[in-house]
N, C-alpha and C. Protein backbone atom coordinates (compact mmCIF):
# COMPACT_ATOMS: atom_id res chain seq x y z
N MET A 1 0.83 -1.20 0.00
CA MET A 1 0.00 0.00 0.00
C MET A 1 0.87 1.25 0.00
N ALA A 2 0.30 2.33 -0.52
CA ALA A 2 0.99 3.62 -0.50
C ALA A 2 1.04 4.14 0.93
N PRO A 3 2.01 4.99 1.24
CA PRO A 3 2.12 5.53 2.61
C PRO A 3 0.84 6.18 3.11
N GLU A 4 0.14 6.92 2.26
CA GLU A 4 -1.08 7.58 2.73
C GLU A 4 -2.18 6.56 3.04
N GLU A 5 -2.17 5.43 2.34
CA GLU A 5 -3.16 4.39 2.61
C GLU A 5 -2.85 3.67 3.92
N LEU A 6 -1.58 3.39 4.14
CA LEU A 6 -1.18 2.78 5.41
C LEU A 6 -1.48 3.70 6.58
N ALA A 7 -1.24 5.00 6.38
CA ALA A 7 -1.52 5.98 7.44
C ALA A 7 -3.02 6.02 7.74
N CYS A 8 -3.82 5.90 6.71
CA CYS A 8 -5.28 5.90 6.89
C CYS A 8 -5.72 4.67 7.67
N LEU A 9 -5.18 3.50 7.31
CA LEU A 9 -5.48 2.28 8.06
C LEU A 9 -5.13 2.44 9.53
N GLY A 10 -3.94 2.97 9.77
CA GLY A 10 -3.51 3.18 11.15
C GLY A 10 -4.43 4.10 11.91
N MET A 11 -4.90 5.16 11.24
CA MET A 11 -5.80 6.11 11.87
C MET A 11 -7.12 5.43 12.26
N VAL A 12 -7.68 4.64 11.35
CA VAL A 12 -8.94 3.94 11.62
C VAL A 12 -8.79 3.01 12.82
N LEU A 13 -7.70 2.25 12.85
CA LEU A 13 -7.50 1.28 13.92
C LEU A 13 -7.18 1.96 15.25
N CYS A 14 -6.33 2.97 15.23
CA CYS A 14 -5.91 3.62 16.47
C CYS A 14 -7.03 4.46 17.08
N GLN A 15 -7.86 5.06 16.23
CA GLN A 15 -8.94 5.89 16.76
C GLN A 15 -10.06 5.06 17.36
N ASN A 16 -10.26 3.86 16.83
CA ASN A 16 -11.39 3.05 17.29
C ASN A 16 -10.99 1.94 18.26
N LEU A 17 -9.80 1.38 18.08
CA LEU A 17 -9.33 0.28 18.94
C LEU A 17 -10.43 -0.76 19.17
N PHE A 18 -10.95 -1.26 18.07
CA PHE A 18 -11.99 -2.29 18.14
C PHE A 18 -11.48 -3.49 18.92
N ARG A 19 -12.35 -4.13 19.68
CA ARG A 19 -11.97 -5.29 20.49
C ARG A 19 -12.42 -6.61 19.88
N GLY A 20 -13.35 -6.56 18.94
CA GLY A 20 -13.82 -7.80 18.31
C GLY A 20 -12.81 -8.32 17.30
N GLN A 21 -13.19 -9.38 16.58
CA GLN A 21 -12.30 -9.99 15.61
C GLN A 21 -11.99 -9.02 14.46
N HIS A 22 -10.78 -9.15 13.91
CA HIS A 22 -10.33 -8.38 12.77
C HIS A 22 -10.04 -9.33 11.62
N LEU A 23 -10.38 -8.92 10.40
CA LEU A 23 -10.24 -9.78 9.23
C LEU A 23 -9.43 -9.09 8.16
N GLU A 24 -8.52 -9.84 7.54
CA GLU A 24 -7.83 -9.39 6.34
C GLU A 24 -8.03 -10.44 5.26
N ILE A 25 -8.56 -10.01 4.11
CA ILE A 25 -8.73 -10.88 2.95
C ILE A 25 -7.67 -10.49 1.93
N GLY A 26 -6.72 -11.39 1.69
CA GLY A 26 -5.62 -11.12 0.77
C GLY A 26 -4.48 -10.44 1.52
N THR A 27 -3.42 -11.18 1.80
CA THR A 27 -2.36 -10.62 2.65
C THR A 27 -1.02 -10.45 1.94
N ALA A 28 -0.84 -11.07 0.76
CA ALA A 28 0.44 -11.00 0.03
C ALA A 28 1.56 -11.46 0.96
N ALA A 29 2.55 -10.58 1.22
CA ALA A 29 3.68 -10.97 2.08
C ALA A 29 3.45 -10.63 3.55
N GLY A 30 2.31 -10.04 3.87
CA GLY A 30 1.98 -9.75 5.26
C GLY A 30 2.46 -8.41 5.77
N GLY A 31 2.98 -7.56 4.91
CA GLY A 31 3.46 -6.25 5.36
C GLY A 31 2.37 -5.38 5.94
N THR A 32 1.24 -5.34 5.27
CA THR A 32 0.12 -4.54 5.78
C THR A 32 -0.42 -5.13 7.07
N LEU A 33 -0.46 -6.46 7.15
CA LEU A 33 -0.91 -7.13 8.37
C LEU A 33 -0.03 -6.72 9.55
N CYS A 34 1.28 -6.72 9.35
CA CYS A 34 2.20 -6.30 10.42
C CYS A 34 1.91 -4.87 10.85
N ALA A 35 1.73 -3.98 9.88
CA ALA A 35 1.48 -2.57 10.19
C ALA A 35 0.19 -2.41 10.99
N MET A 36 -0.85 -3.16 10.63
CA MET A 36 -2.12 -3.05 11.33
C MET A 36 -2.01 -3.59 12.75
N MET A 37 -1.36 -4.75 12.91
CA MET A 37 -1.26 -5.35 14.23
C MET A 37 -0.44 -4.48 15.19
N LYS A 38 0.53 -3.76 14.66
CA LYS A 38 1.38 -2.93 15.51
C LYS A 38 0.69 -1.64 15.95
N CYS A 39 -0.53 -1.42 15.47
CA CYS A 39 -1.32 -0.27 15.93
C CYS A 39 -1.85 -0.49 17.35
N PHE A 40 -1.80 -1.74 17.84
CA PHE A 40 -2.38 -2.09 19.13
C PHE A 40 -1.29 -2.34 20.16
N PRO A 41 -1.53 -1.95 21.41
CA PRO A 41 -0.61 -2.37 22.48
C PRO A 41 -0.61 -3.89 22.57
N PRO A 42 0.52 -4.49 22.92
CA PRO A 42 0.60 -5.96 22.96
C PRO A 42 -0.47 -6.61 23.82
N ASP A 43 -0.89 -5.94 24.89
CA ASP A 43 -1.88 -6.55 25.79
C ASP A 43 -3.31 -6.31 25.31
N ARG A 44 -3.48 -5.58 24.20
CA ARG A 44 -4.83 -5.32 23.68
C ARG A 44 -4.96 -5.76 22.23
N LEU A 45 -4.08 -6.66 21.81
CA LEU A 45 -4.10 -7.12 20.43
C LEU A 45 -5.33 -7.98 20.18
N PRO A 46 -6.18 -7.58 19.23
CA PRO A 46 -7.40 -8.38 18.97
C PRO A 46 -7.07 -9.66 18.21
N HIS A 47 -8.06 -10.50 18.08
CA HIS A 47 -7.91 -11.75 17.32
C HIS A 47 -7.97 -11.44 15.83
N TRP A 48 -6.93 -11.83 15.11
CA TRP A 48 -6.85 -11.58 13.68
C TRP A 48 -7.12 -12.86 12.89
N VAL A 49 -7.93 -12.73 11.85
CA VAL A 49 -8.19 -13.81 10.90
C VAL A 49 -7.69 -13.34 9.54
N VAL A 50 -6.90 -14.17 8.89
CA VAL A 50 -6.38 -13.87 7.56
C VAL A 50 -6.85 -14.95 6.59
N VAL A 51 -7.51 -14.52 5.52
CA VAL A 51 -8.01 -15.44 4.49
C VAL A 51 -7.21 -15.23 3.22
N ASP A 52 -6.54 -16.27 2.77
CA ASP A 52 -5.73 -16.19 1.56
C ASP A 52 -5.45 -17.61 1.09
N THR A 53 -5.43 -17.83 -0.21
CA THR A 53 -5.12 -19.16 -0.73
C THR A 53 -3.63 -19.48 -0.58
N MET A 54 -2.81 -18.48 -0.30
CA MET A 54 -1.37 -18.64 -0.10
C MET A 54 -0.68 -19.30 -1.29
N CYS A 55 -1.14 -18.96 -2.49
CA CYS A 55 -0.50 -19.48 -3.69
C CYS A 55 -0.10 -18.34 -4.64
N TYR A 56 0.02 -17.14 -4.08
CA TYR A 56 0.38 -15.97 -4.89
C TYR A 56 1.84 -16.06 -5.33
N PHE A 57 2.69 -16.60 -4.45
CA PHE A 57 4.09 -16.86 -4.79
C PHE A 57 4.57 -18.02 -3.91
N PRO A 58 5.69 -18.66 -4.25
CA PRO A 58 6.14 -19.84 -3.49
C PRO A 58 6.38 -19.53 -2.01
N ASP A 59 6.02 -20.47 -1.16
CA ASP A 59 6.23 -20.37 0.28
C ASP A 59 5.61 -19.11 0.88
N GLN A 60 4.47 -18.71 0.36
CA GLN A 60 3.86 -17.46 0.80
C GLN A 60 3.55 -17.46 2.29
N LEU A 61 2.96 -18.55 2.78
CA LEU A 61 2.57 -18.59 4.18
C LEU A 61 3.78 -18.46 5.09
N GLU A 62 4.87 -19.15 4.78
CA GLU A 62 6.07 -19.07 5.61
C GLU A 62 6.70 -17.70 5.54
N ILE A 63 6.61 -17.05 4.39
CA ILE A 63 7.14 -15.69 4.26
C ILE A 63 6.33 -14.73 5.13
N VAL A 64 5.01 -14.90 5.13
CA VAL A 64 4.15 -14.05 5.97
C VAL A 64 4.50 -14.26 7.45
N ARG A 65 4.63 -15.50 7.85
CA ARG A 65 4.96 -15.80 9.25
C ARG A 65 6.33 -15.22 9.62
N GLY A 66 7.28 -15.32 8.71
CA GLY A 66 8.60 -14.75 8.97
C GLY A 66 8.55 -13.24 9.07
N ASN A 67 7.72 -12.62 8.28
CA ASN A 67 7.56 -11.16 8.34
C ASN A 67 6.99 -10.74 9.69
N LEU A 68 6.03 -11.51 10.18
CA LEU A 68 5.47 -11.22 11.49
C LEU A 68 6.53 -11.34 12.58
N ARG A 69 7.31 -12.40 12.53
CA ARG A 69 8.36 -12.59 13.53
C ARG A 69 9.38 -11.46 13.48
N ASP A 70 9.73 -11.02 12.27
CA ASP A 70 10.70 -9.93 12.11
C ASP A 70 10.19 -8.62 12.71
N HIS A 71 8.86 -8.49 12.84
CA HIS A 71 8.26 -7.29 13.43
C HIS A 71 7.89 -7.50 14.90
N GLY A 72 8.39 -8.58 15.48
CA GLY A 72 8.13 -8.83 16.90
C GLY A 72 6.72 -9.31 17.18
N LEU A 73 6.08 -9.90 16.18
CA LEU A 73 4.71 -10.38 16.33
C LEU A 73 4.70 -11.90 16.27
N ASN A 74 3.81 -12.51 17.02
CA ASN A 74 3.75 -13.96 17.10
C ASN A 74 2.80 -14.50 16.03
N PRO A 75 3.30 -15.25 15.03
CA PRO A 75 2.42 -15.80 13.99
C PRO A 75 1.35 -16.73 14.55
N ALA A 76 1.63 -17.35 15.70
CA ALA A 76 0.64 -18.25 16.29
C ALA A 76 -0.61 -17.51 16.74
N GLY A 77 -0.51 -16.20 16.88
CA GLY A 77 -1.66 -15.41 17.29
C GLY A 77 -2.57 -15.02 16.14
N VAL A 78 -2.23 -15.45 14.93
CA VAL A 78 -3.04 -15.14 13.75
C VAL A 78 -3.70 -16.41 13.25
N ASP A 79 -4.99 -16.35 12.99
CA ASP A 79 -5.76 -17.48 12.48
C ASP A 79 -5.70 -17.45 10.95
N PHE A 80 -4.72 -18.16 10.38
CA PHE A 80 -4.58 -18.22 8.93
C PHE A 80 -5.55 -19.25 8.38
N ARG A 81 -6.40 -18.82 7.45
CA ARG A 81 -7.35 -19.73 6.80
C ARG A 81 -6.95 -19.84 5.33
N VAL A 82 -6.23 -20.91 5.03
CA VAL A 82 -5.64 -21.09 3.70
C VAL A 82 -6.68 -21.73 2.80
N THR A 83 -7.49 -20.87 2.22
CA THR A 83 -8.58 -21.31 1.36
C THR A 83 -9.11 -20.09 0.60
N THR A 84 -10.12 -20.29 -0.19
CA THR A 84 -10.72 -19.17 -0.91
C THR A 84 -11.61 -18.35 0.01
N SER A 85 -11.83 -17.11 -0.37
CA SER A 85 -12.75 -16.26 0.39
C SER A 85 -14.15 -16.86 0.42
N ASP A 86 -14.56 -17.45 -0.69
CA ASP A 86 -15.89 -18.05 -0.78
C ASP A 86 -16.05 -19.17 0.24
N ALA A 87 -15.10 -20.11 0.26
CA ALA A 87 -15.19 -21.23 1.19
C ALA A 87 -15.09 -20.77 2.64
N ALA A 88 -14.18 -19.85 2.90
CA ALA A 88 -13.99 -19.36 4.27
C ALA A 88 -15.22 -18.61 4.77
N PHE A 89 -15.88 -17.87 3.88
CA PHE A 89 -17.07 -17.14 4.30
C PHE A 89 -18.17 -18.10 4.75
N HIS A 90 -18.42 -19.13 3.98
CA HIS A 90 -19.50 -20.07 4.35
C HIS A 90 -19.21 -20.71 5.71
N GLN A 91 -17.96 -21.03 5.97
CA GLN A 91 -17.60 -21.60 7.26
C GLN A 91 -17.80 -20.60 8.40
N ALA A 92 -17.38 -19.35 8.15
CA ALA A 92 -17.52 -18.31 9.18
C ALA A 92 -18.98 -17.98 9.46
N GLU A 93 -19.79 -17.93 8.40
CA GLU A 93 -21.21 -17.64 8.58
C GLU A 93 -21.88 -18.77 9.36
N ALA A 94 -21.55 -20.01 9.03
CA ALA A 94 -22.14 -21.15 9.73
C ALA A 94 -21.76 -21.16 11.21
N ALA A 95 -20.57 -20.61 11.52
CA ALA A 95 -20.11 -20.55 12.91
C ALA A 95 -20.60 -19.29 13.62
N HIS A 96 -21.39 -18.46 12.94
CA HIS A 96 -21.96 -17.22 13.51
C HIS A 96 -20.86 -16.27 13.99
N GLU A 97 -19.78 -16.19 13.22
CA GLU A 97 -18.70 -15.27 13.58
C GLU A 97 -19.10 -13.83 13.32
N THR A 98 -18.50 -12.91 14.07
CA THR A 98 -18.70 -11.48 13.84
C THR A 98 -17.33 -10.80 13.87
N TYR A 99 -17.27 -9.64 13.22
CA TYR A 99 -16.02 -8.90 13.11
C TYR A 99 -16.29 -7.41 13.32
N ASP A 100 -15.30 -6.73 13.88
CA ASP A 100 -15.39 -5.28 14.07
C ASP A 100 -14.65 -4.52 12.98
N PHE A 101 -13.70 -5.19 12.32
CA PHE A 101 -12.88 -4.52 11.31
C PHE A 101 -12.56 -5.52 10.20
N MET A 102 -12.58 -5.02 8.96
CA MET A 102 -12.23 -5.84 7.81
C MET A 102 -11.40 -5.03 6.83
N LEU A 103 -10.38 -5.66 6.28
CA LEU A 103 -9.63 -5.12 5.15
C LEU A 103 -9.79 -6.10 4.01
N ILE A 104 -10.39 -5.64 2.92
CA ILE A 104 -10.58 -6.47 1.73
C ILE A 104 -9.59 -6.02 0.67
N ASP A 105 -8.66 -6.92 0.35
CA ASP A 105 -7.61 -6.60 -0.62
C ASP A 105 -7.23 -7.87 -1.37
N GLY A 106 -8.26 -8.54 -1.89
CA GLY A 106 -8.04 -9.81 -2.58
C GLY A 106 -8.00 -9.63 -4.09
N ALA A 107 -8.53 -10.61 -4.80
CA ALA A 107 -8.57 -10.56 -6.26
C ALA A 107 -9.45 -9.40 -6.72
N HIS A 108 -9.10 -8.80 -7.85
CA HIS A 108 -9.75 -7.56 -8.28
C HIS A 108 -10.85 -7.76 -9.31
N LYS A 109 -11.04 -8.99 -9.77
CA LYS A 109 -12.12 -9.23 -10.72
C LYS A 109 -13.46 -9.06 -10.02
N ILE A 110 -14.42 -8.54 -10.75
CA ILE A 110 -15.68 -8.12 -10.14
C ILE A 110 -16.38 -9.25 -9.41
N ARG A 111 -16.36 -10.46 -9.95
CA ARG A 111 -17.08 -11.56 -9.29
C ARG A 111 -16.41 -11.94 -7.96
N TYR A 112 -15.10 -11.80 -7.89
CA TYR A 112 -14.40 -12.11 -6.65
C TYR A 112 -14.57 -11.00 -5.62
N VAL A 113 -14.59 -9.75 -6.08
CA VAL A 113 -14.84 -8.64 -5.16
C VAL A 113 -16.22 -8.77 -4.55
N MET A 114 -17.19 -9.15 -5.37
CA MET A 114 -18.55 -9.31 -4.85
C MET A 114 -18.61 -10.44 -3.83
N GLN A 115 -17.86 -11.51 -4.06
CA GLN A 115 -17.79 -12.59 -3.07
C GLN A 115 -17.19 -12.08 -1.76
N ASP A 116 -16.12 -11.28 -1.87
CA ASP A 116 -15.48 -10.74 -0.67
C ASP A 116 -16.43 -9.84 0.10
N LEU A 117 -17.26 -9.09 -0.61
CA LEU A 117 -18.19 -8.17 0.06
C LEU A 117 -19.26 -8.90 0.88
N ARG A 118 -19.45 -10.18 0.62
CA ARG A 118 -20.41 -10.95 1.43
C ARG A 118 -19.99 -10.96 2.90
N TRP A 119 -18.68 -10.83 3.16
CA TRP A 119 -18.21 -10.85 4.55
C TRP A 119 -18.82 -9.73 5.38
N THR A 120 -19.29 -8.67 4.74
CA THR A 120 -19.88 -7.57 5.50
C THR A 120 -21.15 -8.00 6.24
N ARG A 121 -21.74 -9.13 5.89
CA ARG A 121 -22.86 -9.66 6.67
C ARG A 121 -22.42 -9.90 8.11
N LEU A 122 -21.14 -10.21 8.29
CA LEU A 122 -20.61 -10.54 9.60
C LEU A 122 -20.00 -9.35 10.31
N LEU A 123 -20.07 -8.17 9.71
CA LEU A 123 -19.52 -6.96 10.31
C LEU A 123 -20.48 -6.39 11.34
N SER A 124 -19.95 -6.07 12.52
CA SER A 124 -20.78 -5.51 13.58
C SER A 124 -21.21 -4.09 13.21
N VAL A 125 -22.37 -3.68 13.71
CA VAL A 125 -22.79 -2.28 13.55
C VAL A 125 -21.77 -1.40 14.28
N GLY A 126 -21.32 -0.37 13.61
CA GLY A 126 -20.25 0.47 14.13
C GLY A 126 -18.87 0.04 13.67
N GLY A 127 -18.80 -1.16 13.07
CA GLY A 127 -17.54 -1.65 12.55
C GLY A 127 -17.18 -0.99 11.23
N HIS A 128 -15.93 -1.15 10.83
CA HIS A 128 -15.42 -0.54 9.60
C HIS A 128 -14.92 -1.61 8.64
N VAL A 129 -15.14 -1.36 7.34
CA VAL A 129 -14.56 -2.19 6.30
C VAL A 129 -13.75 -1.29 5.38
N CYS A 130 -12.51 -1.68 5.11
CA CYS A 130 -11.62 -0.93 4.25
C CYS A 130 -11.42 -1.72 2.96
N LEU A 131 -11.55 -1.03 1.83
CA LEU A 131 -11.47 -1.68 0.53
C LEU A 131 -10.33 -1.07 -0.26
N HIS A 132 -9.32 -1.89 -0.56
CA HIS A 132 -8.15 -1.38 -1.28
C HIS A 132 -8.37 -1.47 -2.79
N ASP A 133 -7.67 -0.60 -3.52
CA ASP A 133 -7.71 -0.56 -4.99
C ASP A 133 -9.05 -0.10 -5.52
N TYR A 134 -9.72 0.78 -4.77
CA TYR A 134 -10.94 1.42 -5.26
C TYR A 134 -10.47 2.61 -6.11
N ALA A 135 -10.18 2.31 -7.37
CA ALA A 135 -9.61 3.31 -8.27
C ALA A 135 -9.89 2.89 -9.71
N PRO A 136 -9.86 3.83 -10.66
CA PRO A 136 -10.17 3.50 -12.05
C PRO A 136 -9.32 2.38 -12.63
N ARG A 137 -8.10 2.19 -12.14
CA ARG A 137 -7.25 1.12 -12.67
C ARG A 137 -7.78 -0.26 -12.32
N CYS A 138 -8.73 -0.32 -11.38
CA CYS A 138 -9.34 -1.60 -10.97
C CYS A 138 -10.85 -1.49 -11.09
N PRO A 139 -11.38 -1.49 -12.33
CA PRO A 139 -12.83 -1.29 -12.52
C PRO A 139 -13.68 -2.35 -11.85
N GLY A 140 -13.16 -3.56 -11.71
CA GLY A 140 -13.94 -4.60 -11.03
C GLY A 140 -14.23 -4.23 -9.59
N VAL A 141 -13.26 -3.63 -8.92
CA VAL A 141 -13.45 -3.19 -7.54
C VAL A 141 -14.46 -2.05 -7.49
N VAL A 142 -14.27 -1.07 -8.35
CA VAL A 142 -15.14 0.12 -8.35
C VAL A 142 -16.59 -0.26 -8.63
N HIS A 143 -16.83 -1.06 -9.67
CA HIS A 143 -18.20 -1.43 -10.03
C HIS A 143 -18.86 -2.24 -8.92
N ALA A 144 -18.13 -3.18 -8.33
CA ALA A 144 -18.71 -4.00 -7.28
C ALA A 144 -19.04 -3.17 -6.05
N VAL A 145 -18.13 -2.31 -5.64
CA VAL A 145 -18.34 -1.50 -4.44
C VAL A 145 -19.46 -0.49 -4.66
N ASP A 146 -19.49 0.15 -5.82
CA ASP A 146 -20.56 1.12 -6.10
C ASP A 146 -21.92 0.44 -6.12
N HIS A 147 -21.99 -0.75 -6.68
CA HIS A 147 -23.25 -1.51 -6.68
C HIS A 147 -23.66 -1.84 -5.24
N PHE A 148 -22.70 -2.25 -4.45
CA PHE A 148 -22.96 -2.58 -3.05
C PHE A 148 -23.49 -1.36 -2.29
N LEU A 149 -22.86 -0.22 -2.46
CA LEU A 149 -23.28 0.99 -1.74
C LEU A 149 -24.64 1.48 -2.22
N HIS A 150 -24.94 1.31 -3.49
CA HIS A 150 -26.24 1.71 -4.02
C HIS A 150 -27.36 0.90 -3.38
N ARG A 151 -27.08 -0.36 -3.06
CA ARG A 151 -28.11 -1.24 -2.51
C ARG A 151 -28.19 -1.19 -0.98
N HIS A 152 -27.16 -0.65 -0.35
CA HIS A 152 -27.12 -0.68 1.12
C HIS A 152 -26.80 0.70 1.69
N ALA A 153 -27.86 1.42 2.06
CA ALA A 153 -27.69 2.77 2.60
C ALA A 153 -27.21 2.75 4.05
N ASN A 154 -27.06 1.57 4.63
CA ASN A 154 -26.61 1.48 6.02
C ASN A 154 -25.08 1.47 6.13
N TYR A 155 -24.41 1.82 5.04
CA TYR A 155 -22.96 1.99 5.06
C TYR A 155 -22.61 3.43 4.74
N ARG A 156 -21.75 4.01 5.56
CA ARG A 156 -21.35 5.41 5.41
C ARG A 156 -19.90 5.48 4.94
N ARG A 157 -19.67 6.30 3.92
CA ARG A 157 -18.30 6.55 3.50
C ARG A 157 -17.59 7.40 4.54
N VAL A 158 -16.51 6.89 5.07
CA VAL A 158 -15.73 7.62 6.07
C VAL A 158 -14.68 8.48 5.39
N THR A 159 -13.88 7.86 4.52
CA THR A 159 -12.84 8.60 3.82
C THR A 159 -12.32 7.77 2.66
N LEU A 160 -11.61 8.44 1.77
CA LEU A 160 -10.90 7.79 0.66
C LEU A 160 -9.48 8.34 0.68
N ALA A 161 -8.51 7.46 0.96
CA ALA A 161 -7.10 7.84 0.98
C ALA A 161 -6.40 7.08 -0.13
N GLY A 162 -5.95 7.78 -1.16
CA GLY A 162 -5.40 7.09 -2.31
C GLY A 162 -6.47 6.21 -2.91
N SER A 163 -6.24 4.90 -2.91
CA SER A 163 -7.25 3.96 -3.42
C SER A 163 -7.87 3.13 -2.30
N LEU A 164 -7.72 3.60 -1.05
CA LEU A 164 -8.29 2.89 0.10
C LEU A 164 -9.59 3.57 0.53
N LEU A 165 -10.71 2.88 0.32
CA LEU A 165 -12.02 3.40 0.70
C LEU A 165 -12.41 2.81 2.05
N VAL A 166 -12.79 3.68 2.98
CA VAL A 166 -13.18 3.25 4.32
C VAL A 166 -14.67 3.47 4.50
N LEU A 167 -15.38 2.42 4.90
CA LEU A 167 -16.82 2.48 5.15
C LEU A 167 -17.12 2.09 6.58
N GLU A 168 -18.17 2.69 7.13
CA GLU A 168 -18.66 2.32 8.46
C GLU A 168 -20.06 1.75 8.33
N LYS A 169 -20.31 0.65 9.00
CA LYS A 169 -21.65 0.06 9.03
C LYS A 169 -22.44 0.76 10.13
N ILE A 170 -23.40 1.59 9.75
CA ILE A 170 -24.09 2.42 10.74
C ILE A 170 -25.40 1.80 11.22
N ALA A 171 -25.84 0.74 10.57
CA ALA A 171 -27.06 0.06 11.00
C ALA A 171 -27.06 -1.34 10.40
N ALA A 172 -27.85 -2.20 10.99
CA ALA A 172 -27.97 -3.55 10.44
C ALA A 172 -28.65 -3.49 9.08
N ALA A 173 -28.29 -4.41 8.21
CA ALA A 173 -28.86 -4.44 6.87
C ALA A 173 -30.29 -4.97 6.91
N ALA A 174 -31.17 -4.38 6.08
CA ALA A 174 -32.54 -4.87 6.00
C ALA A 174 -32.59 -6.24 5.32
N THR A 175 -31.68 -6.47 4.40
CA THR A 175 -31.54 -7.76 3.73
C THR A 175 -30.07 -8.16 3.77
N PRO A 176 -29.77 -9.45 3.74
CA PRO A 176 -28.37 -9.87 3.80
C PRO A 176 -27.52 -9.23 2.70
N GLU A 177 -26.35 -8.74 3.09
CA GLU A 177 -25.46 -8.15 2.11
C GLU A 177 -25.02 -9.19 1.09
N VAL A 178 -25.16 -8.85 -0.16
CA VAL A 178 -24.71 -9.65 -1.31
C VAL A 178 -25.41 -11.01 -1.37
N GLY A 179 -26.49 -11.02 -2.13
CA GLY A 179 -27.23 -12.26 -2.37
C GLY A 179 -26.92 -12.83 -3.74
N TRP A 180 -27.68 -13.82 -4.14
CA TRP A 180 -27.42 -14.47 -5.43
C TRP A 180 -27.65 -13.52 -6.59
N THR A 181 -28.58 -12.56 -6.44
CA THR A 181 -28.81 -11.61 -7.54
C THR A 181 -27.60 -10.70 -7.74
N ASP A 182 -26.92 -10.34 -6.66
CA ASP A 182 -25.71 -9.52 -6.78
C ASP A 182 -24.60 -10.32 -7.47
N GLN A 183 -24.47 -11.60 -7.09
CA GLN A 183 -23.47 -12.45 -7.73
C GLN A 183 -23.78 -12.64 -9.22
N PHE A 184 -25.06 -12.78 -9.54
CA PHE A 184 -25.47 -12.93 -10.94
C PHE A 184 -25.12 -11.67 -11.72
N TRP A 185 -25.39 -10.52 -11.13
CA TRP A 185 -25.06 -9.23 -11.77
C TRP A 185 -23.56 -9.13 -12.02
N ALA A 186 -22.76 -9.51 -11.03
CA ALA A 186 -21.31 -9.45 -11.17
C ALA A 186 -20.82 -10.40 -12.26
N ASN A 187 -21.41 -11.59 -12.33
CA ASN A 187 -21.02 -12.55 -13.36
C ASN A 187 -21.36 -12.06 -14.76
N LEU A 188 -22.45 -11.30 -14.89
CA LEU A 188 -22.82 -10.73 -16.18
C LEU A 188 -21.81 -9.66 -16.61
N TRP A 189 -21.36 -8.86 -15.64
CA TRP A 189 -20.41 -7.79 -15.93
C TRP A 189 -19.01 -8.31 -16.21
N SER A 190 -18.66 -9.45 -15.66
CA SER A 190 -17.29 -9.94 -15.69
C SER A 190 -16.69 -10.06 -17.10
N PRO A 191 -17.38 -10.69 -18.07
CA PRO A 191 -16.77 -10.81 -19.40
C PRO A 191 -16.54 -9.45 -20.07
N TRP A 192 -17.46 -8.52 -19.86
CA TRP A 192 -17.32 -7.20 -20.48
C TRP A 192 -16.11 -6.46 -19.91
N LEU A 193 -15.93 -6.51 -18.60
CA LEU A 193 -14.78 -5.85 -17.99
C LEU A 193 -13.48 -6.52 -18.41
N GLN A 194 -13.51 -7.85 -18.56
CA GLN A 194 -12.33 -8.58 -19.02
C GLN A 194 -11.98 -8.18 -20.45
N LEU A 195 -12.99 -8.00 -21.27
CA LEU A 195 -12.78 -7.58 -22.66
C LEU A 195 -12.17 -6.18 -22.70
N GLN A 196 -12.67 -5.29 -21.86
CA GLN A 196 -12.12 -3.93 -21.80
C GLN A 196 -10.66 -3.96 -21.37
N ALA A 197 -10.34 -4.80 -20.38
CA ALA A 197 -8.96 -4.89 -19.91
C ALA A 197 -8.05 -5.42 -21.01
N SER A 198 -8.51 -6.41 -21.77
CA SER A 198 -7.71 -6.94 -22.87
C SER A 198 -7.49 -5.90 -23.95
N PHE A 199 -8.51 -5.11 -24.22
CA PHE A 199 -8.40 -4.05 -25.23
C PHE A 199 -7.39 -3.00 -24.80
N ARG A 200 -7.41 -2.62 -23.54
CA ARG A 200 -6.46 -1.62 -23.05
C ARG A 200 -5.02 -2.12 -23.16
N LYS A 201 -4.81 -3.40 -22.86
CA LYS A 201 -3.47 -3.98 -22.97
C LYS A 201 -2.99 -3.95 -24.43
N ARG A 202 -3.89 -4.28 -25.37
CA ARG A 202 -3.52 -4.27 -26.77
C ARG A 202 -3.18 -2.87 -27.25
N MET A 203 -3.92 -1.89 -26.75
CA MET A 203 -3.69 -0.50 -27.15
C MET A 203 -2.33 0.00 -26.66
N LYS A 204 -1.87 -0.53 -25.51
CA LYS A 204 -0.57 -0.12 -24.98
C LYS A 204 0.57 -0.71 -25.82
């Protein structure tokens, strides 16, 4: 993340000091995870859940754990769920899990972003969700998030720092966030956005 985006994440976490579970979807090498965890005093560190397939590059999980250790953080304190966001969500929903904070920074294709947004069903009222790469260079993220916000007025835009959009859940949803109709809409848009991306590459 850019420095201004990391600073924004730190501000959200330090100002609120949420005590419930924290979620990161898509961790790469774990640098952002380290920065977020270090916002908390060691005796007030919340429970972190990280969802990632850990196949972005070789030995990804061990690299993330090593990064945590290098920052004085215990990898055993992080609940790594090495699976897809889709599979992990169904398990978390069945277990009636709730979260106070979420960072969504996974795959950028619209159908995957829409799947990631389902996790907001588990976000507590007053909790925050941060969405990375909300920028024209990632139309799948922008279209999915704008569709989500159009359908759910119970989310308030807090700020936009670089490409990091911060939302607050100000009330419970009247209907579950992201249903099959939203997924169907995203699947319809997916080929068109993919075609646009291919065209842009050819033009370059």
